[in-house]
Protein backbone atom coordinates (compact mmCIF):
# COMPACT_ATOMS: atom_id res chain seq x y z
CA UNK A 1 -61.68 149.58 -50.85
CA UNK A 2 -60.17 153.22 -51.05
CA UNK A 3 -60.12 154.32 -46.94
CA UNK A 4 -62.31 157.76 -47.53
CA UNK A 5 -64.17 157.55 -50.68
CA UNK A 6 -64.31 161.20 -50.66
CA UNK A 7 -63.36 164.20 -53.63
CA UNK A 8 -61.01 166.33 -51.62
CA UNK A 9 -60.09 169.87 -52.91
CA UNK A 10 -56.40 170.24 -53.40
CA UNK A 11 -54.14 172.70 -52.42
CA UNK A 12 -53.87 174.71 -55.06
CA UNK A 13 -57.73 174.75 -55.42
CA UNK A 14 -57.95 176.18 -51.84
CA UNK A 15 -55.26 178.60 -52.34
CA UNK A 16 -56.79 179.87 -55.42
CA UNK A 17 -60.43 180.16 -53.41
CA UNK A 18 -58.69 181.50 -50.12
CA UNK A 19 -60.03 185.38 -49.75
CA UNK A 20 -57.21 186.06 -47.38
CA UNK A 21 -53.62 186.16 -47.88
CA UNK A 22 -51.91 183.86 -45.21
CA UNK A 23 -53.04 180.75 -43.39
CA UNK A 24 -51.88 179.82 -39.86
CA UNK A 25 -52.25 176.71 -37.77
CA UNK A 26 -52.70 176.69 -34.24
CA UNK A 27 -51.32 173.32 -31.89
CA UNK A 28 -53.83 173.35 -29.13
CA UNK A 29 -54.22 171.29 -26.01
CA UNK A 30 -57.43 170.80 -23.78
CA UNK A 31 -58.97 168.92 -21.01
CA UNK A 32 -62.20 168.04 -22.46
CA UNK A 33 -63.80 168.04 -19.36
CA UNK A 34 -65.27 171.42 -18.77
CA UNK A 35 -66.95 171.36 -22.70
CA UNK A 36 -69.33 169.82 -24.76
CA UNK A 37 -67.11 168.79 -27.36
CA UNK A 38 -64.89 170.77 -29.77
CA UNK A 39 -67.49 171.69 -32.44
CA UNK A 40 -69.39 174.68 -32.15
CA UNK A 41 -72.94 174.82 -30.35
CA UNK A 42 -75.33 176.87 -29.62
CA UNK A 43 -75.73 178.06 -25.75
CA UNK A 44 -72.76 175.17 -24.69
CA UNK A 45 -69.00 175.77 -23.96
CA UNK A 46 -66.70 174.46 -26.71
CA UNK A 47 -63.55 174.48 -28.00
CA UNK A 48 -63.86 175.86 -30.89
CA UNK A 49 -66.12 178.23 -30.10
CA UNK A 50 -63.52 179.96 -27.44
CA UNK A 51 -60.65 179.89 -29.98
CA UNK A 52 -62.94 181.29 -32.56
CA UNK A 53 -63.88 184.31 -30.00
CA UNK A 54 -60.40 184.83 -29.10
CA UNK A 55 -59.39 185.20 -32.96
CA UNK A 56 -62.51 187.56 -33.29
CA UNK A 57 -61.42 189.71 -30.26
CA UNK A 58 -58.11 189.92 -31.94
CA UNK A 59 -58.98 190.37 -35.27
CA UNK A 60 -61.91 192.03 -34.78
CA UNK A 61 -63.94 189.81 -37.19
CA UNK A 62 -65.16 186.68 -37.16
CA UNK A 63 -62.50 184.15 -37.82
CA UNK A 64 -63.22 180.65 -38.74
CA UNK A 65 -61.23 177.68 -37.83
CA UNK A 66 -60.63 174.26 -39.30
CA UNK A 67 -59.84 171.64 -37.16
CA UNK A 68 -57.97 168.10 -37.85
CA UNK A 69 -60.54 166.37 -35.58
CA UNK A 70 -63.51 166.77 -34.01
CA UNK A 71 -63.51 165.10 -30.55
CA UNK A 72 -67.13 164.63 -28.68
CA UNK A 73 -67.89 166.13 -25.15
CA UNK A 74 -65.07 165.06 -22.21
CA UNK A 75 -62.25 163.97 -25.09
CA UNK A 76 -59.04 165.24 -24.48
CA UNK A 77 -56.09 166.66 -26.55
CA UNK A 78 -52.53 166.97 -26.24
CA UNK A 79 -51.91 168.10 -30.34
CA UNK A 80 -54.99 168.82 -31.67
CA UNK A 81 -54.34 170.96 -34.78
CA UNK A 82 -56.49 174.04 -36.30
CA UNK A 83 -56.52 176.34 -39.17
CA UNK A 84 -57.31 179.73 -40.27
CA UNK A 85 -57.03 182.19 -42.43
CA UNK A 86 -55.73 185.92 -41.91
CA UNK A 87 -54.45 189.37 -44.19
CA UNK A 88 -50.70 190.31 -43.33
CA UNK A 89 -52.20 193.49 -41.95
CA UNK A 90 -53.97 191.91 -39.85
CA UNK A 91 -50.92 190.52 -37.73
CA UNK A 92 -49.35 194.41 -38.01
CA UNK A 93 -46.51 193.90 -35.47
CA UNK A 94 -47.50 190.67 -33.85
CA UNK A 95 -45.03 187.57 -34.35
CA UNK A 96 -46.46 183.84 -34.58
CA UNK A 97 -45.01 183.77 -30.91
CA UNK A 98 -46.81 187.18 -29.89
CA UNK A 99 -49.97 185.61 -31.79
CA UNK A 100 -49.73 182.59 -29.43
CA UNK A 101 -49.34 184.50 -25.98
CA UNK A 102 -52.10 186.68 -27.01
CA UNK A 103 -54.63 183.51 -27.96
CA UNK A 104 -53.36 182.06 -24.06
CA UNK A 105 -54.52 185.30 -22.32
CA UNK A 106 -57.73 185.30 -24.24
CA UNK A 107 -58.82 181.56 -24.00
CA UNK A 108 -60.71 180.44 -20.90
CA UNK A 109 -59.26 177.77 -18.75
CA UNK A 110 -58.83 173.99 -19.80
CA UNK A 111 -57.14 175.56 -23.27
CA UNK A 112 -53.29 175.61 -24.28
CA UNK A 113 -52.35 176.74 -27.66
CA UNK A 114 -49.00 175.49 -27.83
CA UNK A 115 -47.80 176.93 -30.86
CA UNK A 116 -48.97 179.10 -34.24
CA UNK A 117 -47.20 178.18 -37.49
CA UNK A 118 -47.42 179.87 -40.85
CA UNK A 119 -48.49 176.93 -43.35
CA UNK A 120 -48.66 177.00 -47.28
CA UNK A 121 -51.47 179.44 -48.08
CA UNK A 122 -54.97 177.43 -48.12
CA UNK A 123 -53.47 174.60 -45.76
CA UNK A 124 -56.28 172.94 -44.21
CA UNK A 125 -55.79 171.02 -40.47
CA UNK A 126 -58.22 168.96 -41.57
CA UNK A 127 -58.01 167.68 -45.32
CA UNK A 128 -53.96 168.04 -44.95
CA UNK A 129 -53.51 165.37 -42.45
CA UNK A 130 -52.17 162.11 -43.53
CA UNK A 131 -52.11 160.24 -40.08
CA UNK A 132 -54.19 161.04 -37.05
CA UNK A 133 -52.76 159.57 -33.30
CA UNK A 134 -55.26 159.13 -30.41
CA UNK A 135 -53.68 157.35 -27.08
CA UNK A 136 -56.28 155.46 -24.71
CA UNK A 137 -55.59 155.43 -20.94
CA UNK A 138 -56.71 152.74 -18.97
CA UNK A 139 -56.42 152.66 -14.89
CA UNK A 140 -55.34 149.10 -13.88
CA UNK A 141 -54.73 149.26 -10.74
CA UNK A 142 -56.62 147.43 -7.35
CA UNK A 143 -58.04 150.55 -6.86
CA UNK A 144 -59.30 153.87 -8.62
CA UNK A 145 -56.71 156.42 -9.84
CA UNK A 146 -57.13 159.24 -7.50
CA UNK A 147 -54.56 161.76 -10.04
CA UNK A 148 -55.87 160.18 -13.16
CA UNK A 149 -59.67 160.07 -12.17
CA UNK A 150 -60.51 162.23 -15.18
CA UNK A 151 -58.07 161.45 -17.72
CA UNK A 152 -58.36 157.27 -17.15
CA UNK A 153 -61.12 154.61 -17.33
CA UNK A 154 -60.52 152.45 -14.46
CA UNK A 155 -60.79 148.93 -15.42
CA UNK A 156 -58.90 147.11 -12.70
CA UNK A 157 -56.39 144.32 -12.58
CA UNK A 158 -56.01 140.97 -14.49
CA UNK A 159 -56.60 142.31 -18.55
CA UNK A 160 -55.03 139.63 -20.57
CA UNK A 161 -53.29 142.32 -22.55
CA UNK A 162 -52.11 139.57 -25.28
CA UNK A 163 -55.55 138.35 -25.75
CA UNK A 164 -56.36 142.17 -26.81
CA UNK A 165 -53.22 142.13 -29.07
CA UNK A 166 -54.46 139.52 -31.07
CA UNK A 167 -57.77 141.06 -30.91
CA UNK A 168 -56.42 144.33 -32.30
CA UNK A 169 -54.06 142.31 -35.01
CA UNK A 170 -57.58 141.95 -36.70
CA UNK A 171 -58.18 145.83 -37.35
CA UNK A 172 -54.50 146.64 -39.03
CA UNK A 173 -55.00 147.74 -42.42
CA UNK A 174 -58.14 149.28 -44.90
CA UNK A 175 -61.39 147.82 -43.28
CA UNK A 176 -65.11 149.20 -42.79
CA UNK A 177 -65.33 150.19 -39.75
CA UNK A 178 -69.11 150.81 -39.54
CA UNK A 179 -69.48 148.50 -36.46
CA UNK A 180 -67.22 150.80 -34.56
CA UNK A 181 -68.86 153.90 -35.08
CA UNK A 182 -72.15 155.72 -33.81
CA UNK A 183 -74.79 154.13 -36.08
CA UNK A 184 -76.81 157.40 -37.12
CA UNK A 185 -73.35 158.91 -37.94
CA UNK A 186 -72.97 156.41 -41.06
CA UNK A 187 -76.11 156.80 -42.54
CA UNK A 188 -74.83 157.94 -46.29
CA UNK A 189 -71.46 158.33 -45.49
CA UNK A 190 -68.29 156.37 -46.56
CA UNK A 191 -67.25 154.18 -43.29
CA UNK A 192 -64.12 153.01 -44.61
CA UNK A 193 -60.42 154.06 -43.07
CA UNK A 194 -56.86 152.67 -42.78
CA UNK A 195 -55.51 151.75 -39.55
CA UNK A 196 -51.80 151.19 -39.22
CA UNK A 197 -51.42 151.00 -35.54
CA UNK A 198 -53.32 149.31 -32.66
CA UNK A 199 -50.57 148.92 -29.65
CA UNK A 200 -50.32 148.56 -25.97
CA UNK A 201 -48.12 149.80 -23.58
CA UNK A 202 -47.69 149.60 -19.53
CA UNK A 203 -47.00 153.17 -18.02
CA UNK A 204 -46.68 154.57 -14.79
CA UNK A 205 -48.74 157.90 -13.96
CA UNK A 206 -48.30 159.59 -10.80
CA UNK A 207 -47.22 156.65 -9.22
CA UNK A 208 -50.15 154.65 -10.48
CA UNK A 209 -50.41 151.48 -12.88
CA UNK A 210 -51.83 152.46 -16.19
CA UNK A 211 -52.18 150.42 -20.20
CA UNK A 212 -52.19 152.96 -22.78
CA UNK A 213 -53.55 152.01 -26.12
CA UNK A 214 -51.95 153.55 -29.09
CA UNK A 215 -54.72 154.00 -32.27
CA UNK A 216 -53.34 155.93 -35.42
CA UNK A 217 -54.98 155.81 -38.43
CA UNK A 218 -55.33 158.08 -41.59
CA UNK A 219 -58.87 159.28 -40.32
CA UNK A 220 -61.64 157.82 -38.11
CA UNK A 221 -65.15 157.86 -37.49
CA UNK A 222 -67.69 159.12 -34.84
CA UNK A 223 -66.58 157.07 -31.61
CA UNK A 224 -64.59 154.64 -33.17
CA UNK A 225 -61.60 154.89 -31.15
CA UNK A 226 -63.74 154.53 -27.99
CA UNK A 227 -65.54 151.81 -29.74
CA UNK A 228 -62.41 150.03 -31.02
CA UNK A 229 -61.19 150.11 -26.90
CA UNK A 230 -64.40 148.85 -25.20
CA UNK A 231 -64.38 145.79 -27.38
CA UNK A 232 -61.18 144.63 -26.90
CA UNK A 233 -61.16 145.63 -22.89
CA UNK A 234 -64.27 143.02 -22.93
CA UNK A 235 -61.57 140.33 -25.15
CA UNK A 236 -58.89 141.67 -22.41
CA UNK A 237 -61.56 140.42 -19.70
CA UNK A 238 -62.21 137.50 -20.81
CA UNK A 239 -66.06 137.86 -22.11
CA UNK A 240 -65.02 137.17 -25.62
CA UNK A 241 -62.26 135.73 -27.64
CA UNK A 242 -60.05 137.43 -29.81
CA UNK A 243 -60.84 136.29 -32.85
CA UNK A 244 -64.39 137.90 -32.01
CA UNK A 245 -63.10 141.28 -32.94
CA UNK A 246 -62.83 139.93 -36.53
CA UNK A 247 -66.46 138.61 -36.05
CA UNK A 248 -67.66 142.48 -35.09
CA UNK A 249 -65.69 143.66 -38.03
CA UNK A 250 -67.91 142.04 -40.87
CA UNK A 251 -71.12 142.34 -39.49
CA UNK A 252 -71.09 146.34 -40.32
CA UNK A 253 -73.16 146.86 -37.65
CA UNK A 254 -73.02 148.64 -34.18
CA UNK A 255 -74.98 146.36 -32.48
CA UNK A 256 -71.88 143.61 -32.99
CA UNK A 257 -69.35 145.71 -30.46
CA UNK A 258 -68.89 146.16 -27.11
CA UNK A 259 -69.83 149.70 -25.42
CA UNK A 260 -68.09 152.92 -25.94
CA UNK A 261 -65.42 153.52 -23.44
CA UNK A 262 -65.96 156.51 -21.59
CA UNK A 263 -64.45 159.80 -22.98
CA UNK A 264 -62.14 160.78 -20.51
CA UNK A 265 -59.40 158.51 -21.12
CA UNK A 266 -59.23 159.44 -25.13
CA UNK A 267 -56.64 161.85 -25.71
CA UNK A 268 -56.44 163.24 -29.20
CA UNK A 269 -52.38 162.46 -29.19
CA UNK A 270 -51.15 164.27 -32.65
CA UNK A 271 -51.42 164.53 -36.36
CA UNK A 272 -49.32 164.17 -39.15
CA UNK A 273 -48.73 166.55 -41.92
């Protein structure tokens, strides 16, 4: 199987078609709670909309950004990457550092531009990414968390993490993940992806116990990580055995999998290029 089965333009092709002299990227963090997702939507507050509005004010023209991975409403990001094109004259006396400062002054609450970097002309935050990492935070204390109620899913204690690890082992490698994505988004599109890691680690956050699930892969389908987590939590609660995960994968049917874990526990952690 070919993980994405999509013909992608090369960097050289993109550079040749680029109408501007330089390509920059921003590493962006955001609290997903107040946003209707990353992608622009009419009448909705979105991360893309905020970034493009800020860039339009700075450069006095529309500026389109391309992201490494779209996130749904309520999903957070620590290391989202977006790319955009500019001419040298548009930067004038700005350095990348002062551009970052200006963007942070213009974007609304809940978004922070952590870095602005020069990239090869024609670079795409989406097409040039080779691996993406997500982390999902489960609150596993006896009572709901006070400080991470917006950033973790409270599932309570007594999860069988060993069983979850056994279930997750079935997902490693290149597979058709059609069972783990929103059905409507898979119509007529390739659903093969390569997952290189699904790991579990206990973490104490603000004095409260959490279990952090790290998922890394070349790319992800719509709601794929949240469906993986929801399915593995069913295994951890003893509602299904670990080998059921393999049956879900083979079914290629969204109805075979577990529930979508809530958006608030998911963080787009980082991108590798």
